Amino acid sequence: SGFVTKEYQKYLEENKHVIRRIVYCGYLFDICVPNVAIPTKMYFNENNIDCEIIVPENTTETFDSPTHQREEYKVLAKKMLLLNGIKVPEKYEG
């Protein structure tokens, strides 16, 4: 997760009062993206700062394999992101 890197945490700490929106994109919608988006949202919640976290569906993807059904995992990831207060629109219109 990119969240645990010292550089990212330093950036958040130094800029937490000016960041109002973060848009994430990435290949693994159900693995990499939630592992940075959810802790970031929790960081802002913990600091009582209103920051919109957005993961547009058209900027992410995941893989299909015998043990990882692409569509099933995309649905699960979207639910998990939404339950954590992260917006998941079809596409970003910023």
N, C-alpha and C. Protein backbone atom coordinates (compact mmCIF):
# COMPACT_ATOMS: atom_id res chain seq x y z
N SER A 1 0.83 -1.19 0.00
CA SER A 1 0.00 0.00 0.00
C SER A 1 0.87 1.25 0.00
N GLY A 2 0.54 2.14 -0.89
CA GLY A 2 1.26 3.41 -0.92
C GLY A 2 1.05 4.24 0.33
N PHE A 3 -0.01 3.95 1.06
CA PHE A 3 -0.29 4.74 2.27
C PHE A 3 0.81 4.61 3.31
N VAL A 4 1.43 3.46 3.40
CA VAL A 4 2.41 3.24 4.47
C VAL A 4 3.79 3.80 4.15
N THR A 5 3.98 4.36 2.98
CA THR A 5 5.29 4.93 2.68
C THR A 5 5.48 6.23 3.47
N LYS A 6 6.68 6.44 3.94
CA LYS A 6 6.98 7.64 4.73
C LYS A 6 6.75 8.91 3.93
N GLU A 7 7.07 8.87 2.64
CA GLU A 7 6.92 10.05 1.80
C GLU A 7 5.45 10.45 1.67
N TYR A 8 4.58 9.47 1.48
CA TYR A 8 3.15 9.75 1.33
C TYR A 8 2.58 10.29 2.64
N GLN A 9 2.93 9.67 3.75
CA GLN A 9 2.43 10.15 5.04
C GLN A 9 2.94 11.55 5.36
N LYS A 10 4.17 11.82 5.00
CA LYS A 10 4.72 13.17 5.20
C LYS A 10 3.96 14.18 4.34
N TYR A 11 3.69 13.80 3.10
CA TYR A 11 2.94 14.69 2.20
C TYR A 11 1.55 14.98 2.77
N LEU A 12 0.85 13.94 3.24
CA LEU A 12 -0.48 14.14 3.82
C LEU A 12 -0.41 15.06 5.04
N GLU A 13 0.54 14.81 5.91
CA GLU A 13 0.66 15.61 7.13
C GLU A 13 0.94 17.08 6.80
N GLU A 14 1.82 17.32 5.84
CA GLU A 14 2.17 18.70 5.49
C GLU A 14 1.07 19.42 4.72
N ASN A 15 0.19 18.68 4.08
CA ASN A 15 -0.83 19.29 3.22
C ASN A 15 -2.26 19.00 3.64
N LYS A 16 -2.46 18.39 4.80
CA LYS A 16 -3.80 17.95 5.20
C LYS A 16 -4.82 19.08 5.29
N HIS A 17 -4.38 20.28 5.49
CA HIS A 17 -5.34 21.38 5.62
C HIS A 17 -5.65 22.06 4.29
N VAL A 18 -5.00 21.63 3.22
CA VAL A 18 -5.31 22.21 1.91
C VAL A 18 -5.87 21.18 0.93
N ILE A 19 -5.66 19.91 1.19
CA ILE A 19 -6.20 18.87 0.31
C ILE A 19 -7.69 18.74 0.58
N ARG A 20 -8.48 18.83 -0.45
CA ARG A 20 -9.93 18.69 -0.31
C ARG A 20 -10.50 17.56 -1.16
N ARG A 21 -9.70 17.05 -2.09
CA ARG A 21 -10.15 15.97 -2.94
C ARG A 21 -8.93 15.19 -3.44
N ILE A 22 -9.06 13.86 -3.39
CA ILE A 22 -8.04 12.99 -3.96
C ILE A 22 -8.75 12.00 -4.87
N VAL A 23 -8.23 11.87 -6.09
CA VAL A 23 -8.78 10.92 -7.05
C VAL A 23 -7.74 9.85 -7.28
N TYR A 24 -8.12 8.60 -7.02
CA TYR A 24 -7.21 7.48 -7.22
C TYR A 24 -7.61 6.69 -8.45
N CYS A 25 -6.61 6.19 -9.15
CA CYS A 25 -6.83 5.25 -10.24
C CYS A 25 -5.73 4.20 -10.15
N GLY A 26 -5.96 3.08 -10.78
CA GLY A 26 -4.94 2.04 -10.72
C GLY A 26 -5.45 0.73 -11.27
N TYR A 27 -4.55 -0.19 -11.42
CA TYR A 27 -4.92 -1.44 -12.07
C TYR A 27 -5.78 -2.33 -11.18
N LEU A 28 -5.40 -2.56 -9.98
CA LEU A 28 -6.14 -3.54 -9.17
C LEU A 28 -7.17 -2.85 -8.29
N PHE A 29 -8.37 -2.71 -8.84
CA PHE A 29 -9.50 -2.06 -8.20
C PHE A 29 -9.85 -2.69 -6.86
N ASP A 30 -9.57 -3.98 -6.72
CA ASP A 30 -9.95 -4.70 -5.50
C ASP A 30 -8.78 -4.96 -4.56
N ILE A 31 -7.58 -4.55 -4.93
CA ILE A 31 -6.43 -4.81 -4.06
C ILE A 31 -5.66 -3.51 -3.80
N CYS A 32 -4.94 -3.04 -4.78
CA CYS A 32 -4.06 -1.88 -4.59
C CYS A 32 -4.82 -0.59 -4.29
N VAL A 33 -5.86 -0.34 -5.06
CA VAL A 33 -6.58 0.92 -4.90
C VAL A 33 -7.22 1.04 -3.51
N PRO A 34 -7.99 0.03 -3.03
CA PRO A 34 -8.55 0.15 -1.68
C PRO A 34 -7.49 0.24 -0.58
N ASN A 35 -6.33 -0.40 -0.81
CA ASN A 35 -5.29 -0.39 0.21
C ASN A 35 -4.63 0.97 0.39
N VAL A 36 -4.85 1.88 -0.52
CA VAL A 36 -4.39 3.25 -0.32
C VAL A 36 -5.56 4.19 -0.05
N ALA A 37 -6.68 3.97 -0.73
CA ALA A 37 -7.82 4.88 -0.60
C ALA A 37 -8.46 4.82 0.79
N ILE A 38 -8.69 3.62 1.30
CA ILE A 38 -9.36 3.49 2.61
C ILE A 38 -8.51 4.05 3.75
N PRO A 39 -7.23 3.69 3.87
CA PRO A 39 -6.45 4.31 4.96
C PRO A 39 -6.34 5.82 4.83
N THR A 40 -6.31 6.33 3.60
CA THR A 40 -6.25 7.78 3.42
C THR A 40 -7.54 8.42 3.92
N LYS A 41 -8.67 7.83 3.58
CA LYS A 41 -9.95 8.35 4.06
C LYS A 41 -10.00 8.31 5.59
N MET A 42 -9.53 7.23 6.18
CA MET A 42 -9.51 7.12 7.64
C MET A 42 -8.58 8.15 8.27
N TYR A 43 -7.47 8.44 7.60
CA TYR A 43 -6.53 9.46 8.09
C TYR A 43 -7.24 10.82 8.18
N PHE A 44 -7.96 11.19 7.13
CA PHE A 44 -8.67 12.47 7.15
C PHE A 44 -9.81 12.45 8.17
N ASN A 45 -10.51 11.33 8.28
CA ASN A 45 -11.55 11.23 9.30
C ASN A 45 -10.97 11.41 10.70
N GLU A 46 -9.86 10.76 10.96
CA GLU A 46 -9.21 10.84 12.28
C GLU A 46 -8.81 12.27 12.62
N ASN A 47 -8.44 13.04 11.61
CA ASN A 47 -8.02 14.43 11.82
C ASN A 47 -9.17 15.42 11.65
N ASN A 48 -10.40 14.89 11.54
CA ASN A 48 -11.60 15.74 11.39
C ASN A 48 -11.47 16.73 10.24
N ILE A 49 -10.98 16.24 9.12
CA ILE A 49 -10.81 17.07 7.92
C ILE A 49 -11.68 16.50 6.82
N ASP A 50 -12.44 17.38 6.20
CA ASP A 50 -13.33 16.97 5.11
C ASP A 50 -12.51 16.86 3.83
N CYS A 51 -12.30 15.63 3.40
CA CYS A 51 -11.57 15.39 2.15
C CYS A 51 -12.32 14.33 1.37
N GLU A 52 -12.68 14.67 0.16
CA GLU A 52 -13.41 13.76 -0.71
C GLU A 52 -12.43 12.81 -1.38
N ILE A 53 -12.66 11.51 -1.21
CA ILE A 53 -11.83 10.50 -1.86
C ILE A 53 -12.69 9.87 -2.96
N ILE A 54 -12.15 9.85 -4.17
CA ILE A 54 -12.90 9.38 -5.34
C ILE A 54 -12.09 8.31 -6.07
N VAL A 55 -12.76 7.23 -6.46
CA VAL A 55 -12.16 6.18 -7.28
C VAL A 55 -13.08 5.94 -8.47
N PRO A 56 -12.84 6.63 -9.59
CA PRO A 56 -13.69 6.43 -10.76
C PRO A 56 -13.53 5.01 -11.32
N GLU A 57 -14.65 4.36 -11.58
CA GLU A 57 -14.59 2.98 -12.08
C GLU A 57 -13.86 2.87 -13.41
N ASN A 58 -13.98 3.88 -14.28
CA ASN A 58 -13.35 3.76 -15.59
C ASN A 58 -11.83 3.99 -15.56
N THR A 59 -11.27 4.23 -14.38
CA THR A 59 -9.83 4.41 -14.27
C THR A 59 -9.16 3.25 -13.55
N THR A 60 -9.93 2.19 -13.32
CA THR A 60 -9.41 1.04 -12.59
C THR A 60 -9.80 -0.25 -13.31
N GLU A 61 -9.17 -1.32 -12.90
CA GLU A 61 -9.48 -2.64 -13.46
C GLU A 61 -8.96 -3.68 -12.49
N THR A 62 -9.29 -4.92 -12.75
CA THR A 62 -8.71 -6.03 -12.02
C THR A 62 -8.60 -7.20 -12.96
N PHE A 63 -8.14 -8.32 -12.47
CA PHE A 63 -7.88 -9.46 -13.34
C PHE A 63 -8.91 -10.57 -13.16
N ASP A 64 -8.90 -11.47 -14.10
CA ASP A 64 -9.78 -12.63 -14.06
C ASP A 64 -8.90 -13.87 -14.06
N SER A 65 -9.23 -14.82 -13.18
CA SER A 65 -8.50 -16.09 -13.12
C SER A 65 -9.44 -17.14 -12.55
N PRO A 66 -9.04 -18.38 -12.55
CA PRO A 66 -9.91 -19.42 -11.99
C PRO A 66 -10.29 -19.18 -10.53
N THR A 67 -9.45 -18.52 -9.77
CA THR A 67 -9.74 -18.28 -8.35
C THR A 67 -10.10 -16.82 -8.05
N HIS A 68 -10.21 -16.01 -9.08
CA HIS A 68 -10.47 -14.58 -8.89
C HIS A 68 -11.38 -14.12 -10.02
N GLN A 69 -12.68 -14.17 -9.78
CA GLN A 69 -13.63 -13.77 -10.81
C GLN A 69 -13.73 -12.24 -10.85
N ARG A 70 -13.27 -11.69 -11.94
CA ARG A 70 -13.14 -10.25 -12.13
C ARG A 70 -14.39 -9.48 -11.71
N GLU A 71 -15.52 -9.81 -12.25
CA GLU A 71 -16.75 -9.06 -11.98
C GLU A 71 -17.16 -9.16 -10.50
N GLU A 72 -17.03 -10.34 -9.94
CA GLU A 72 -17.39 -10.52 -8.52
C GLU A 72 -16.51 -9.65 -7.63
N TYR A 73 -15.22 -9.63 -7.89
CA TYR A 73 -14.31 -8.85 -7.05
C TYR A 73 -14.48 -7.35 -7.26
N LYS A 74 -14.86 -6.95 -8.47
CA LYS A 74 -15.13 -5.53 -8.70
C LYS A 74 -16.35 -5.08 -7.89
N VAL A 75 -17.39 -5.91 -7.84
CA VAL A 75 -18.58 -5.58 -7.05
C VAL A 75 -18.23 -5.50 -5.57
N LEU A 76 -17.47 -6.46 -5.08
CA LEU A 76 -17.08 -6.46 -3.67
C LEU A 76 -16.22 -5.24 -3.33
N ALA A 77 -15.27 -4.91 -4.20
CA ALA A 77 -14.41 -3.75 -3.95
C ALA A 77 -15.21 -2.46 -3.92
N LYS A 78 -16.15 -2.33 -4.85
CA LYS A 78 -16.97 -1.11 -4.88
C LYS A 78 -17.77 -0.98 -3.59
N LYS A 79 -18.36 -2.07 -3.13
CA LYS A 79 -19.11 -2.03 -1.88
C LYS A 79 -18.22 -1.63 -0.72
N MET A 80 -17.03 -2.20 -0.67
CA MET A 80 -16.10 -1.90 0.41
C MET A 80 -15.69 -0.42 0.40
N LEU A 81 -15.41 0.11 -0.77
CA LEU A 81 -15.04 1.52 -0.88
C LEU A 81 -16.21 2.41 -0.44
N LEU A 82 -17.40 2.11 -0.95
CA LEU A 82 -18.57 2.92 -0.60
C LEU A 82 -18.86 2.88 0.90
N LEU A 83 -18.74 1.71 1.51
CA LEU A 83 -18.98 1.58 2.95
C LEU A 83 -17.99 2.40 3.78
N ASN A 84 -16.85 2.71 3.20
CA ASN A 84 -15.84 3.51 3.89
C ASN A 84 -15.90 4.99 3.52
N GLY A 85 -16.97 5.39 2.85
CA GLY A 85 -17.17 6.80 2.55
C GLY A 85 -16.44 7.30 1.32
N ILE A 86 -16.02 6.39 0.47
CA ILE A 86 -15.30 6.75 -0.74
C ILE A 86 -16.27 6.76 -1.91
N LYS A 87 -16.23 7.79 -2.71
CA LYS A 87 -17.12 7.89 -3.86
C LYS A 87 -16.57 7.05 -5.01
N VAL A 88 -17.48 6.34 -5.70
CA VAL A 88 -17.07 5.47 -6.81
C VAL A 88 -18.00 5.73 -8.00
N PRO A 89 -17.80 6.85 -8.67
CA PRO A 89 -18.63 7.13 -9.85
C PRO A 89 -18.16 6.30 -11.05
N GLU A 90 -19.00 6.21 -12.07
CA GLU A 90 -18.59 5.49 -13.28
C GLU A 90 -17.37 6.12 -13.91
N LYS A 91 -17.35 7.47 -13.95
CA LYS A 91 -16.19 8.19 -14.45
C LYS A 91 -16.04 9.49 -13.70
N TYR A 92 -14.86 10.05 -13.72
CA TYR A 92 -14.58 11.29 -13.00
C TYR A 92 -14.94 12.48 -13.85
N GLU A 93 -15.71 13.36 -13.27
CA GLU A 93 -16.12 14.59 -13.97
C GLU A 93 -15.69 15.78 -13.12
N GLY A 94 -14.39 15.92 -12.91
CA GLY A 94 -13.91 16.96 -12.03
C GLY A 94 -13.59 18.18 -12.73
